[in-house]
Amino acid sequence: MKTEIAKAIALLTAEYDLPAFSPDRIAMWMEALCHFPRGSVTKSAENYMRTNKFKPQLADIVQGCVAQMPNAWLSADEAWALMPKSEMDSCMLTNESAQAMAAASPLLEAGDRIAARMAFRAAYERLVENAEIEGRQPAFFPSFGDDVPGRARMLGAAVRAGQYQLEAAINTVPEFAHEIVQLAGVPKHPLLAAPSQQGRERLGALLLTMRGHT
């Protein structure tokens, strides 16, 4: 990736007759752009040269890289809607939604839900903006409530939404492996061939045993 960034800098320097980059400036560009997928920096630089006559800034190239990435981030309202409403509820979190919820929690505890939602929205949007600038995609992880069957429903929905891997979900609550596969909508999975409830229970027990040895 460093080679790609260096070539992009060379192209931009030649095209816009820029002065040679200092080592500190090169390091800044490397740090800002190294997180993006391979090929995105080159494409961003080429797109900029085709459409702009003004000398580029680092932010211009970062913005071009961000524009190429699929937007997998939930909106602030979507993230807020997924937050647990009680200790029984399970949900999928990202580091950004968890940090935003920490900012909102004191207001929730004080009973001011409207102010809590506003605080969550402001914190979440700021954190997601920083993540997008750094070229990061959301990394989801489960947060479990006391409702154990509800964990399976939440994980199945998360797999279906592409937020969590099926095998990770099964390993997390193997006693509900069959239900998770059904809820995830995965066709022709071996677990769906379990012949009976008794067979599923035996399989669940086996998965629990395997989990205990990992």
N, C-alpha and C. Protein backbone atom coordinates (compact mmCIF):
# COMPACT_ATOMS: atom_id res chain seq x y z
N MET A 1 0.83 -1.20 0.00
CA MET A 1 0.00 0.00 0.00
C MET A 1 0.87 1.26 0.00
N LYS A 2 1.99 1.21 0.67
CA LYS A 2 2.88 2.37 0.70
C LYS A 2 3.37 2.70 -0.71
N THR A 3 3.63 1.66 -1.50
CA THR A 3 4.08 1.89 -2.88
C THR A 3 2.99 2.60 -3.69
N GLU A 4 1.74 2.17 -3.50
CA GLU A 4 0.63 2.81 -4.21
C GLU A 4 0.49 4.27 -3.82
N ILE A 5 0.60 4.56 -2.53
CA ILE A 5 0.49 5.94 -2.05
C ILE A 5 1.63 6.79 -2.62
N ALA A 6 2.84 6.22 -2.61
CA ALA A 6 4.00 6.96 -3.13
C ALA A 6 3.82 7.28 -4.62
N LYS A 7 3.29 6.33 -5.38
CA LYS A 7 3.05 6.57 -6.81
C LYS A 7 1.98 7.64 -7.01
N ALA A 8 0.96 7.62 -6.16
CA ALA A 8 -0.09 8.65 -6.27
C ALA A 8 0.48 10.03 -5.97
N ILE A 9 1.32 10.11 -4.95
CA ILE A 9 1.96 11.39 -4.64
C ILE A 9 2.81 11.86 -5.81
N ALA A 10 3.55 10.94 -6.42
CA ALA A 10 4.39 11.29 -7.57
C ALA A 10 3.55 11.79 -8.74
N LEU A 11 2.42 11.12 -9.01
CA LEU A 11 1.53 11.55 -10.09
C LEU A 11 0.98 12.96 -9.84
N LEU A 12 0.51 13.18 -8.62
CA LEU A 12 -0.06 14.49 -8.28
C LEU A 12 1.01 15.59 -8.31
N THR A 13 2.19 15.25 -7.84
CA THR A 13 3.29 16.22 -7.84
C THR A 13 3.64 16.65 -9.26
N ALA A 14 3.69 15.67 -10.16
CA ALA A 14 4.03 15.98 -11.55
C ALA A 14 2.90 16.74 -12.25
N GLU A 15 1.68 16.33 -12.01
CA GLU A 15 0.54 16.93 -12.71
C GLU A 15 0.31 18.38 -12.29
N TYR A 16 0.50 18.65 -10.99
CA TYR A 16 0.19 19.99 -10.48
C TYR A 16 1.43 20.81 -10.13
N ASP A 17 2.59 20.30 -10.55
CA ASP A 17 3.84 21.01 -10.32
C ASP A 17 4.00 21.38 -8.85
N LEU A 18 3.78 20.39 -7.99
CA LEU A 18 3.87 20.61 -6.55
C LEU A 18 5.33 20.55 -6.11
N PRO A 19 5.69 21.27 -5.06
CA PRO A 19 7.05 21.12 -4.51
C PRO A 19 7.21 19.72 -3.90
N ALA A 20 8.43 19.30 -3.81
CA ALA A 20 8.69 17.97 -3.25
C ALA A 20 8.14 17.87 -1.83
N PHE A 21 7.52 16.72 -1.52
CA PHE A 21 6.96 16.50 -0.19
C PHE A 21 8.09 16.33 0.82
N SER A 22 7.95 16.95 1.98
CA SER A 22 8.89 16.72 3.06
C SER A 22 8.62 15.35 3.67
N PRO A 23 9.60 14.78 4.37
CA PRO A 23 9.37 13.47 5.02
C PRO A 23 8.16 13.49 5.95
N ASP A 24 7.96 14.58 6.68
CA ASP A 24 6.81 14.65 7.59
C ASP A 24 5.49 14.63 6.82
N ARG A 25 5.45 15.33 5.68
CA ARG A 25 4.23 15.36 4.89
C ARG A 25 3.96 14.00 4.25
N ILE A 26 5.00 13.34 3.80
CA ILE A 26 4.84 11.99 3.26
C ILE A 26 4.28 11.07 4.33
N ALA A 27 4.83 11.16 5.55
CA ALA A 27 4.36 10.31 6.65
C ALA A 27 2.89 10.58 6.96
N MET A 28 2.48 11.85 6.88
CA MET A 28 1.09 12.21 7.15
C MET A 28 0.17 11.59 6.10
N TRP A 29 0.57 11.67 4.82
CA TRP A 29 -0.24 11.07 3.76
C TRP A 29 -0.31 9.56 3.93
N MET A 30 0.82 8.95 4.25
CA MET A 30 0.84 7.49 4.45
C MET A 30 -0.12 7.09 5.57
N GLU A 31 -0.07 7.80 6.67
CA GLU A 31 -0.90 7.48 7.82
C GLU A 31 -2.39 7.64 7.49
N ALA A 32 -2.71 8.68 6.74
CA ALA A 32 -4.11 8.96 6.43
C ALA A 32 -4.70 8.01 5.39
N LEU A 33 -3.85 7.48 4.50
CA LEU A 33 -4.36 6.73 3.36
C LEU A 33 -4.12 5.22 3.43
N CYS A 34 -3.29 4.78 4.36
CA CYS A 34 -2.90 3.37 4.37
C CYS A 34 -4.04 2.43 4.75
N HIS A 35 -5.12 2.96 5.34
CA HIS A 35 -6.22 2.09 5.78
C HIS A 35 -7.20 1.76 4.67
N PHE A 36 -7.12 2.45 3.55
CA PHE A 36 -8.10 2.24 2.48
C PHE A 36 -7.76 1.00 1.66
N PRO A 37 -8.76 0.41 1.01
CA PRO A 37 -8.51 -0.79 0.20
C PRO A 37 -7.52 -0.53 -0.92
N ARG A 38 -6.81 -1.57 -1.30
CA ARG A 38 -5.81 -1.45 -2.36
C ARG A 38 -6.47 -0.97 -3.66
N GLY A 39 -5.86 -0.03 -4.29
CA GLY A 39 -6.37 0.50 -5.55
C GLY A 39 -7.19 1.77 -5.39
N SER A 40 -7.71 2.02 -4.18
CA SER A 40 -8.59 3.17 -4.00
C SER A 40 -7.83 4.49 -4.03
N VAL A 41 -6.58 4.51 -3.54
CA VAL A 41 -5.80 5.75 -3.56
C VAL A 41 -5.45 6.14 -4.99
N THR A 42 -5.05 5.15 -5.78
CA THR A 42 -4.74 5.42 -7.19
C THR A 42 -5.97 5.95 -7.92
N LYS A 43 -7.11 5.30 -7.70
CA LYS A 43 -8.34 5.73 -8.37
C LYS A 43 -8.74 7.13 -7.93
N SER A 44 -8.58 7.43 -6.63
CA SER A 44 -8.93 8.75 -6.13
C SER A 44 -8.05 9.82 -6.77
N ALA A 45 -6.74 9.55 -6.84
CA ALA A 45 -5.82 10.51 -7.45
C ALA A 45 -6.13 10.72 -8.93
N GLU A 46 -6.41 9.64 -9.64
CA GLU A 46 -6.71 9.75 -11.07
C GLU A 46 -8.02 10.50 -11.30
N ASN A 47 -9.03 10.21 -10.48
CA ASN A 47 -10.30 10.92 -10.61
C ASN A 47 -10.12 12.41 -10.32
N TYR A 48 -9.30 12.73 -9.34
CA TYR A 48 -9.07 14.13 -9.02
C TYR A 48 -8.40 14.86 -10.18
N MET A 49 -7.40 14.22 -10.76
CA MET A 49 -6.69 14.86 -11.87
C MET A 49 -7.59 15.08 -13.08
N ARG A 50 -8.57 14.20 -13.28
CA ARG A 50 -9.47 14.35 -14.42
C ARG A 50 -10.49 15.46 -14.21
N THR A 51 -10.79 15.80 -12.98
CA THR A 51 -11.92 16.69 -12.72
C THR A 51 -11.57 17.99 -12.01
N ASN A 52 -10.31 18.18 -11.60
CA ASN A 52 -9.94 19.38 -10.85
C ASN A 52 -8.67 20.01 -11.41
N LYS A 53 -8.70 21.32 -11.53
CA LYS A 53 -7.52 22.03 -12.00
C LYS A 53 -6.72 22.64 -10.86
N PHE A 54 -7.28 22.61 -9.63
CA PHE A 54 -6.59 23.19 -8.48
C PHE A 54 -5.70 22.15 -7.79
N LYS A 55 -4.68 22.63 -7.15
CA LYS A 55 -3.75 21.73 -6.46
C LYS A 55 -4.47 20.94 -5.37
N PRO A 56 -4.23 19.64 -5.30
CA PRO A 56 -4.97 18.81 -4.34
C PRO A 56 -4.43 18.94 -2.92
N GLN A 57 -5.33 18.78 -1.99
CA GLN A 57 -4.97 18.64 -0.59
C GLN A 57 -5.19 17.19 -0.17
N LEU A 58 -4.59 16.81 0.92
CA LEU A 58 -4.77 15.44 1.41
C LEU A 58 -6.25 15.11 1.58
N ALA A 59 -7.02 16.06 2.10
CA ALA A 59 -8.45 15.82 2.33
C ALA A 59 -9.18 15.48 1.04
N ASP A 60 -8.74 16.03 -0.08
CA ASP A 60 -9.37 15.73 -1.37
C ASP A 60 -9.20 14.26 -1.74
N ILE A 61 -8.00 13.74 -1.52
CA ILE A 61 -7.73 12.34 -1.86
C ILE A 61 -8.44 11.41 -0.88
N VAL A 62 -8.46 11.77 0.39
CA VAL A 62 -9.19 10.98 1.38
C VAL A 62 -10.67 10.92 1.01
N GLN A 63 -11.24 12.06 0.66
CA GLN A 63 -12.65 12.10 0.29
C GLN A 63 -12.93 11.22 -0.92
N GLY A 64 -12.01 11.21 -1.88
CA GLY A 64 -12.18 10.35 -3.04
C GLY A 64 -12.13 8.88 -2.68
N CYS A 65 -11.30 8.53 -1.72
CA CYS A 65 -11.23 7.13 -1.26
C CYS A 65 -12.51 6.74 -0.53
N VAL A 66 -12.98 7.63 0.33
CA VAL A 66 -14.21 7.35 1.09
C VAL A 66 -15.39 7.15 0.15
N ALA A 67 -15.45 7.93 -0.92
CA ALA A 67 -16.56 7.85 -1.86
C ALA A 67 -16.63 6.50 -2.56
N GLN A 68 -15.51 5.78 -2.62
CA GLN A 68 -15.49 4.48 -3.28
C GLN A 68 -15.99 3.36 -2.40
N MET A 69 -16.08 3.60 -1.11
CA MET A 69 -16.40 2.54 -0.17
C MET A 69 -17.90 2.39 0.00
N PRO A 70 -18.39 1.14 0.06
CA PRO A 70 -19.82 0.95 0.34
C PRO A 70 -20.14 1.47 1.73
N ASN A 71 -21.27 2.14 1.85
CA ASN A 71 -21.63 2.73 3.15
C ASN A 71 -22.33 1.69 4.01
N ALA A 72 -21.54 0.99 4.83
CA ALA A 72 -22.09 -0.04 5.70
C ALA A 72 -22.46 0.50 7.07
N TRP A 73 -22.21 1.78 7.29
CA TRP A 73 -22.51 2.36 8.60
C TRP A 73 -24.00 2.61 8.76
N LEU A 74 -24.51 2.29 9.92
CA LEU A 74 -25.89 2.64 10.24
C LEU A 74 -25.98 4.14 10.48
N SER A 75 -27.13 4.70 10.17
CA SER A 75 -27.35 6.10 10.53
C SER A 75 -27.48 6.21 12.04
N ALA A 76 -27.41 7.42 12.55
CA ALA A 76 -27.54 7.62 14.00
C ALA A 76 -28.90 7.13 14.49
N ASP A 77 -29.95 7.39 13.71
CA ASP A 77 -31.29 6.94 14.12
C ASP A 77 -31.39 5.43 14.11
N GLU A 78 -30.80 4.79 13.10
CA GLU A 78 -30.82 3.32 13.04
C GLU A 78 -30.05 2.72 14.22
N ALA A 79 -28.88 3.30 14.52
CA ALA A 79 -28.08 2.79 15.63
C ALA A 79 -28.81 2.99 16.97
N TRP A 80 -29.47 4.13 17.12
CA TRP A 80 -30.21 4.41 18.35
C TRP A 80 -31.36 3.41 18.51
N ALA A 81 -32.04 3.10 17.41
CA ALA A 81 -33.18 2.19 17.46
C ALA A 81 -32.77 0.78 17.89
N LEU A 82 -31.51 0.41 17.63
CA LEU A 82 -31.03 -0.92 18.00
C LEU A 82 -30.57 -1.01 19.45
N MET A 83 -30.43 0.10 20.12
CA MET A 83 -29.97 0.08 21.50
C MET A 83 -30.97 -0.65 22.39
N PRO A 84 -30.49 -1.44 23.34
CA PRO A 84 -31.41 -2.19 24.21
C PRO A 84 -32.30 -1.26 25.02
N LYS A 85 -33.56 -1.66 25.16
CA LYS A 85 -34.53 -0.86 25.92
C LYS A 85 -34.61 -1.30 27.38
N SER A 86 -34.06 -2.48 27.66
CA SER A 86 -34.05 -2.98 29.04
C SER A 86 -32.90 -3.96 29.19
N GLU A 87 -32.70 -4.46 30.40
CA GLU A 87 -31.62 -5.42 30.65
C GLU A 87 -31.91 -6.77 30.00
N MET A 88 -33.13 -6.99 29.53
CA MET A 88 -33.48 -8.24 28.86
C MET A 88 -33.00 -8.27 27.42
N ASP A 89 -32.83 -7.10 26.82
CA ASP A 89 -32.59 -7.02 25.38
C ASP A 89 -31.13 -7.25 25.01
N SER A 90 -30.94 -7.91 23.86
CA SER A 90 -29.62 -8.07 23.25
C SER A 90 -29.55 -7.19 22.00
N CYS A 91 -28.35 -6.81 21.63
CA CYS A 91 -28.20 -5.98 20.43
C CYS A 91 -26.79 -6.15 19.86
N MET A 92 -26.63 -5.72 18.61
CA MET A 92 -25.32 -5.67 18.00
C MET A 92 -24.78 -4.24 18.13
N LEU A 93 -23.54 -4.14 18.59
CA LEU A 93 -22.91 -2.85 18.79
C LEU A 93 -21.69 -2.71 17.89
N THR A 94 -21.27 -1.47 17.68
CA THR A 94 -19.94 -1.17 17.18
C THR A 94 -19.24 -0.36 18.27
N ASN A 95 -17.95 -0.19 18.15
CA ASN A 95 -17.26 0.66 19.13
C ASN A 95 -17.86 2.06 19.14
N GLU A 96 -18.28 2.52 17.96
CA GLU A 96 -18.83 3.87 17.85
C GLU A 96 -20.18 3.98 18.54
N SER A 97 -21.06 2.99 18.34
CA SER A 97 -22.37 3.06 18.99
C SER A 97 -22.25 2.86 20.50
N ALA A 98 -21.29 2.02 20.92
CA ALA A 98 -21.09 1.82 22.36
C ALA A 98 -20.58 3.10 23.02
N GLN A 99 -19.65 3.79 22.37
CA GLN A 99 -19.14 5.05 22.93
C GLN A 99 -20.23 6.12 22.95
N ALA A 100 -21.04 6.16 21.89
CA ALA A 100 -22.12 7.14 21.85
C ALA A 100 -23.16 6.85 22.93
N MET A 101 -23.41 5.56 23.17
CA MET A 101 -24.36 5.21 24.22
C MET A 101 -23.83 5.57 25.59
N ALA A 102 -22.53 5.46 25.78
CA ALA A 102 -21.93 5.86 27.06
C ALA A 102 -22.15 7.36 27.30
N ALA A 103 -22.10 8.15 26.23
CA ALA A 103 -22.34 9.58 26.37
C ALA A 103 -23.79 9.88 26.71
N ALA A 104 -24.70 9.02 26.21
CA ALA A 104 -26.13 9.26 26.42
C ALA A 104 -26.65 8.66 27.72
N SER A 105 -25.94 7.69 28.28
CA SER A 105 -26.45 6.95 29.44
C SER A 105 -26.81 7.82 30.64
N PRO A 106 -25.99 8.81 31.03
CA PRO A 106 -26.37 9.63 32.18
C PRO A 106 -27.71 10.34 31.98
N LEU A 107 -27.99 10.75 30.76
CA LEU A 107 -29.25 11.43 30.49
C LEU A 107 -30.41 10.44 30.52
N LEU A 108 -30.18 9.22 30.06
CA LEU A 108 -31.21 8.20 30.15
C LEU A 108 -31.53 7.87 31.61
N GLU A 109 -30.48 7.76 32.41
CA GLU A 109 -30.68 7.46 33.82
C GLU A 109 -31.43 8.58 34.53
N ALA A 110 -31.27 9.81 34.02
CA ALA A 110 -31.99 10.95 34.60
C ALA A 110 -33.42 11.05 34.07
N GLY A 111 -33.77 10.16 33.12
CA GLY A 111 -35.13 10.14 32.60
C GLY A 111 -35.38 11.05 31.42
N ASP A 112 -34.34 11.68 30.88
CA ASP A 112 -34.52 12.60 29.76
C ASP A 112 -34.14 11.88 28.47
N ARG A 113 -35.08 11.15 27.90
CA ARG A 113 -34.81 10.34 26.72
C ARG A 113 -34.54 11.19 25.49
N ILE A 114 -35.20 12.32 25.37
CA ILE A 114 -34.99 13.18 24.20
C ILE A 114 -33.57 13.73 24.19
N ALA A 115 -33.12 14.23 25.34
CA ALA A 115 -31.75 14.74 25.42
C ALA A 115 -30.73 13.62 25.22
N ALA A 116 -31.05 12.43 25.72
CA ALA A 116 -30.16 11.28 25.55
C ALA A 116 -30.00 10.93 24.07
N ARG A 117 -31.12 10.95 23.35
CA ARG A 117 -31.06 10.63 21.92
C ARG A 117 -30.24 11.68 21.18
N MET A 118 -30.38 12.94 21.52
CA MET A 118 -29.61 14.00 20.88
C MET A 118 -28.13 13.85 21.16
N ALA A 119 -27.80 13.50 22.42
CA ALA A 119 -26.40 13.30 22.78
C ALA A 119 -25.82 12.10 22.04
N PHE A 120 -26.61 11.04 21.93
CA PHE A 120 -26.17 9.84 21.20
C PHE A 120 -25.91 10.19 19.74
N ARG A 121 -26.86 10.89 19.13
CA ARG A 121 -26.73 11.24 17.72
C ARG A 121 -25.47 12.06 17.46
N ALA A 122 -25.23 13.07 18.29
CA ALA A 122 -24.07 13.95 18.07
C ALA A 122 -22.77 13.17 18.21
N ALA A 123 -22.69 12.33 19.25
CA ALA A 123 -21.46 11.56 19.48
C ALA A 123 -21.26 10.52 18.38
N TYR A 124 -22.33 9.82 18.02
CA TYR A 124 -22.23 8.77 17.02
C TYR A 124 -21.82 9.32 15.66
N GLU A 125 -22.45 10.40 15.24
CA GLU A 125 -22.12 10.98 13.93
C GLU A 125 -20.68 11.46 13.88
N ARG A 126 -20.19 12.03 14.97
CA ARG A 126 -18.79 12.48 15.01
C ARG A 126 -17.85 11.28 14.92
N LEU A 127 -18.15 10.21 15.65
CA LEU A 127 -17.29 9.03 15.65
C LEU A 127 -17.30 8.34 14.29
N VAL A 128 -18.47 8.24 13.66
CA VAL A 128 -18.55 7.60 12.35
C VAL A 128 -17.82 8.44 11.30
N GLU A 129 -17.95 9.75 11.38
CA GLU A 129 -17.23 10.61 10.44
C GLU A 129 -15.72 10.38 10.55
N ASN A 130 -15.21 10.27 11.76
CA ASN A 130 -13.78 10.00 11.95
C ASN A 130 -13.41 8.64 11.38
N ALA A 131 -14.28 7.65 11.60
CA ALA A 131 -14.01 6.31 11.09
C ALA A 131 -13.97 6.29 9.57
N GLU A 132 -14.88 7.02 8.93
CA GLU A 132 -14.91 7.06 7.47
C GLU A 132 -13.67 7.75 6.93
N ILE A 133 -13.23 8.81 7.58
CA ILE A 133 -12.01 9.50 7.15
C ILE A 133 -10.81 8.56 7.23
N GLU A 134 -10.81 7.69 8.25
CA GLU A 134 -9.71 6.73 8.43
C GLU A 134 -9.88 5.49 7.57
N GLY A 135 -10.98 5.41 6.82
CA GLY A 135 -11.19 4.27 5.94
C GLY A 135 -11.64 3.01 6.64
N ARG A 136 -12.27 3.14 7.80
CA ARG A 136 -12.71 1.97 8.56
C ARG A 136 -14.17 1.65 8.28
N GLN A 137 -14.46 0.36 8.23
CA GLN A 137 -15.83 -0.12 8.14
C GLN A 137 -16.29 -0.52 9.55
N PRO A 138 -17.61 -0.57 9.78
CA PRO A 138 -18.08 -0.94 11.12
C PRO A 138 -17.73 -2.38 11.47
N ALA A 139 -17.32 -2.59 12.71
CA ALA A 139 -17.03 -3.92 13.23
C ALA A 139 -18.06 -4.21 14.33
N PHE A 140 -19.02 -5.08 14.02
CA PHE A 140 -20.11 -5.36 14.95
C PHE A 140 -19.73 -6.47 15.93
N PHE A 141 -20.23 -6.35 17.14
CA PHE A 141 -20.07 -7.40 18.14
C PHE A 141 -21.35 -7.45 18.99
N PRO A 142 -21.67 -8.63 19.54
CA PRO A 142 -22.93 -8.76 20.27
C PRO A 142 -22.81 -8.28 21.71
N SER A 143 -23.90 -7.71 22.19
CA SER A 143 -24.05 -7.36 23.60
C SER A 143 -25.33 -8.06 24.07
N PHE A 144 -25.19 -8.98 25.04
CA PHE A 144 -26.30 -9.84 25.40
C PHE A 144 -27.05 -9.34 26.62
N GLY A 145 -28.39 -9.45 26.53
CA GLY A 145 -29.26 -9.19 27.66
C GLY A 145 -29.61 -10.48 28.36
N ASP A 146 -30.50 -10.41 29.30
CA ASP A 146 -30.84 -11.57 30.13
C ASP A 146 -31.78 -12.55 29.42
N ASP A 147 -32.44 -12.12 28.36
CA ASP A 147 -33.35 -12.99 27.62
C ASP A 147 -32.53 -13.89 26.70
N VAL A 148 -32.30 -15.13 27.14
CA VAL A 148 -31.41 -16.02 26.40
C VAL A 148 -31.94 -16.37 25.01
N PRO A 149 -33.22 -16.77 24.85
CA PRO A 149 -33.71 -17.02 23.49
C PRO A 149 -33.64 -15.78 22.60
N GLY A 150 -33.77 -14.60 23.22
CA GLY A 150 -33.67 -13.36 22.45
C GLY A 150 -32.29 -13.17 21.85
N ARG A 151 -31.27 -13.77 22.45
CA ARG A 151 -29.92 -13.68 21.89
C ARG A 151 -29.88 -14.35 20.51
N ALA A 152 -30.53 -15.50 20.40
CA ALA A 152 -30.55 -16.21 19.12
C ALA A 152 -31.28 -15.40 18.07
N ARG A 153 -32.40 -14.79 18.44
CA ARG A 153 -33.15 -13.97 17.47
C ARG A 153 -32.30 -12.79 16.99
N MET A 154 -31.59 -12.17 17.92
CA MET A 154 -30.76 -11.02 17.55
C MET A 154 -29.61 -11.46 16.66
N LEU A 155 -28.97 -12.58 16.98
CA LEU A 155 -27.83 -13.04 16.18
C LEU A 155 -28.28 -13.48 14.79
N GLY A 156 -29.43 -14.14 14.70
CA GLY A 156 -29.95 -14.53 13.40
C GLY A 156 -30.19 -13.32 12.51
N ALA A 157 -30.78 -12.28 13.10
CA ALA A 157 -31.03 -11.05 12.34
C ALA A 157 -29.72 -10.38 11.93
N ALA A 158 -28.71 -10.43 12.81
CA ALA A 158 -27.41 -9.82 12.51
C ALA A 158 -26.72 -10.54 11.36
N VAL A 159 -26.80 -11.88 11.34
CA VAL A 159 -26.22 -12.65 10.23
C VAL A 159 -26.95 -12.30 8.94
N ARG A 160 -28.25 -12.22 9.02
CA ARG A 160 -29.05 -11.91 7.83
C ARG A 160 -28.71 -10.51 7.28
N ALA A 161 -28.38 -9.57 8.18
CA ALA A 161 -28.05 -8.21 7.77
C ALA A 161 -26.60 -8.06 7.36
N GLY A 162 -25.81 -9.14 7.45
CA GLY A 162 -24.41 -9.07 7.08
C GLY A 162 -23.52 -8.43 8.13
N GLN A 163 -24.01 -8.35 9.37
CA GLN A 163 -23.24 -7.72 10.43
C GLN A 163 -22.39 -8.72 11.21
N TYR A 164 -22.66 -10.01 11.05
CA TYR A 164 -21.97 -11.01 11.85
C TYR A 164 -21.88 -12.29 11.04
N GLN A 165 -20.79 -13.04 11.21
CA GLN A 165 -20.61 -14.29 10.51
C GLN A 165 -21.44 -15.40 11.15
N LEU A 166 -21.99 -16.27 10.30
CA LEU A 166 -22.86 -17.33 10.81
C LEU A 166 -22.13 -18.23 11.80
N GLU A 167 -20.92 -18.66 11.47
CA GLU A 167 -20.21 -19.57 12.36
C GLU A 167 -19.91 -18.92 13.70
N ALA A 168 -19.60 -17.63 13.68
CA ALA A 168 -19.36 -16.93 14.94
C ALA A 168 -20.62 -16.89 15.78
N ALA A 169 -21.77 -16.66 15.13
CA ALA A 169 -23.04 -16.64 15.86
C ALA A 169 -23.35 -18.00 16.47
N ILE A 170 -23.13 -19.06 15.70
CA ILE A 170 -23.39 -20.41 16.19
C ILE A 170 -22.48 -20.74 17.38
N ASN A 171 -21.21 -20.38 17.26
CA ASN A 171 -20.27 -20.65 18.35
C ASN A 171 -20.59 -19.85 19.60
N THR A 172 -21.25 -18.71 19.43
CA THR A 172 -21.57 -17.86 20.59
C THR A 172 -22.67 -18.48 21.43
N VAL A 173 -23.73 -18.97 20.79
CA VAL A 173 -24.83 -19.63 21.51
C VAL A 173 -25.15 -20.95 20.80
N PRO A 174 -24.29 -21.95 20.91
CA PRO A 174 -24.47 -23.19 20.15
C PRO A 174 -25.75 -23.93 20.48
N GLU A 175 -26.32 -23.70 21.67
CA GLU A 175 -27.57 -24.37 22.00
C GLU A 175 -28.73 -23.90 21.14
N PHE A 176 -28.56 -22.78 20.46
CA PHE A 176 -29.59 -22.24 19.57
C PHE A 176 -29.11 -22.24 18.11
N ALA A 177 -28.19 -23.15 17.79
CA ALA A 177 -27.60 -23.16 16.45
C ALA A 177 -28.65 -23.32 15.37
N HIS A 178 -29.58 -24.26 15.56
CA HIS A 178 -30.60 -24.52 14.54
C HIS A 178 -31.47 -23.29 14.33
N GLU A 179 -31.88 -22.65 15.41
CA GLU A 179 -32.73 -21.46 15.31
C GLU A 179 -32.01 -20.31 14.61
N ILE A 180 -30.71 -20.14 14.91
CA ILE A 180 -29.94 -19.06 14.28
C ILE A 180 -29.87 -19.27 12.78
N VAL A 181 -29.62 -20.51 12.35
CA VAL A 181 -29.55 -20.79 10.91
C VAL A 181 -30.89 -20.49 10.25
N GLN A 182 -31.98 -20.88 10.89
CA GLN A 182 -33.30 -20.59 10.33
C GLN A 182 -33.56 -19.09 10.24
N LEU A 183 -33.27 -18.38 11.33
CA LEU A 183 -33.53 -16.94 11.36
C LEU A 183 -32.63 -16.19 10.37
N ALA A 184 -31.43 -16.72 10.14
CA ALA A 184 -30.50 -16.07 9.21
C ALA A 184 -30.90 -16.28 7.76
N GLY A 185 -31.80 -17.24 7.52
CA GLY A 185 -32.24 -17.49 6.15
C GLY A 185 -31.20 -18.16 5.30
N VAL A 186 -30.37 -19.01 5.92
CA VAL A 186 -29.31 -19.71 5.18
C VAL A 186 -29.88 -21.02 4.63
N PRO A 187 -30.02 -21.16 3.32
CA PRO A 187 -30.62 -22.38 2.77
C PRO A 187 -29.64 -23.55 2.76
N LYS A 188 -30.17 -24.73 2.89
CA LYS A 188 -29.41 -25.98 2.75
C LYS A 188 -28.23 -26.08 3.71
N HIS A 189 -28.37 -25.48 4.88
CA HIS A 189 -27.31 -25.62 5.88
C HIS A 189 -27.46 -26.99 6.55
N PRO A 190 -26.33 -27.67 6.86
CA PRO A 190 -26.43 -29.00 7.48
C PRO A 190 -27.28 -29.02 8.75
N LEU A 191 -27.27 -27.95 9.50
CA LEU A 191 -28.05 -27.94 10.73
C LEU A 191 -29.55 -28.03 10.47
N LEU A 192 -29.98 -27.62 9.29
CA LEU A 192 -31.40 -27.67 8.97
C LEU A 192 -31.86 -29.10 8.71
N ALA A 193 -30.91 -30.02 8.55
CA ALA A 193 -31.26 -31.41 8.29
C ALA A 193 -31.42 -32.21 9.57
N ALA A 194 -31.29 -31.56 10.72
CA ALA A 194 -31.47 -32.26 11.99
C ALA A 194 -32.84 -32.92 12.01
N PRO A 195 -32.94 -34.23 12.26
CA PRO A 195 -34.19 -34.95 12.04
C PRO A 195 -35.27 -34.68 13.07
N SER A 196 -34.92 -34.20 14.23
CA SER A 196 -35.92 -34.04 15.28
C SER A 196 -35.42 -33.07 16.32
N GLN A 197 -36.34 -32.69 17.22
CA GLN A 197 -35.93 -31.84 18.33
C GLN A 197 -34.86 -32.54 19.17
N GLN A 198 -35.03 -33.84 19.36
CA GLN A 198 -34.04 -34.60 20.13
C GLN A 198 -32.68 -34.57 19.44
N GLY A 199 -32.70 -34.71 18.12
CA GLY A 199 -31.45 -34.65 17.38
C GLY A 199 -30.80 -33.29 17.48
N ARG A 200 -31.62 -32.23 17.42
CA ARG A 200 -31.07 -30.89 17.54
C ARG A 200 -30.48 -30.67 18.93
N GLU A 201 -31.14 -31.24 19.94
CA GLU A 201 -30.62 -31.09 21.30
C GLU A 201 -29.28 -31.81 21.44
N ARG A 202 -29.17 -32.99 20.83
CA ARG A 202 -27.88 -33.71 20.88
C ARG A 202 -26.80 -32.92 20.17
N LEU A 203 -27.16 -32.35 19.02
CA LEU A 203 -26.19 -31.54 18.27
C LEU A 203 -25.79 -30.32 19.07
N GLY A 204 -26.78 -29.68 19.72
CA GLY A 204 -26.46 -28.52 20.55
C GLY A 204 -25.53 -28.88 21.68
N ALA A 205 -25.76 -30.05 22.30
CA ALA A 205 -24.88 -30.50 23.37
C ALA A 205 -23.47 -30.75 22.86
N LEU A 206 -23.39 -31.31 21.65
CA LEU A 206 -22.07 -31.55 21.05
C LEU A 206 -21.35 -30.24 20.77
N LEU A 207 -22.08 -29.25 20.26
CA LEU A 207 -21.47 -27.95 19.99
C LEU A 207 -21.00 -27.29 21.28
N LEU A 208 -21.78 -27.45 22.35
CA LEU A 208 -21.37 -26.90 23.64
C LEU A 208 -20.08 -27.55 24.12
N THR A 209 -20.01 -28.89 23.93
CA THR A 209 -18.79 -29.59 24.34
C THR A 209 -17.59 -29.12 23.53
N MET A 210 -17.81 -28.98 22.22
CA MET A 210 -16.72 -28.49 21.36
C MET A 210 -16.30 -27.10 21.77
N ARG A 211 -17.28 -26.25 22.09
CA ARG A 211 -16.97 -24.89 22.50
C ARG A 211 -16.12 -24.87 23.77
N GLY A 212 -16.42 -25.82 24.68
CA GLY A 212 -15.67 -25.87 25.93
C GLY A 212 -14.23 -26.28 25.76
N HIS A 213 -13.92 -26.87 24.60
CA HIS A 213 -12.54 -27.31 24.36
C HIS A 213 -11.78 -26.37 23.44
N THR A 214 -12.39 -25.22 23.08
CA THR A 214 -11.70 -24.27 22.21
C THR A 214 -11.04 -23.20 23.03
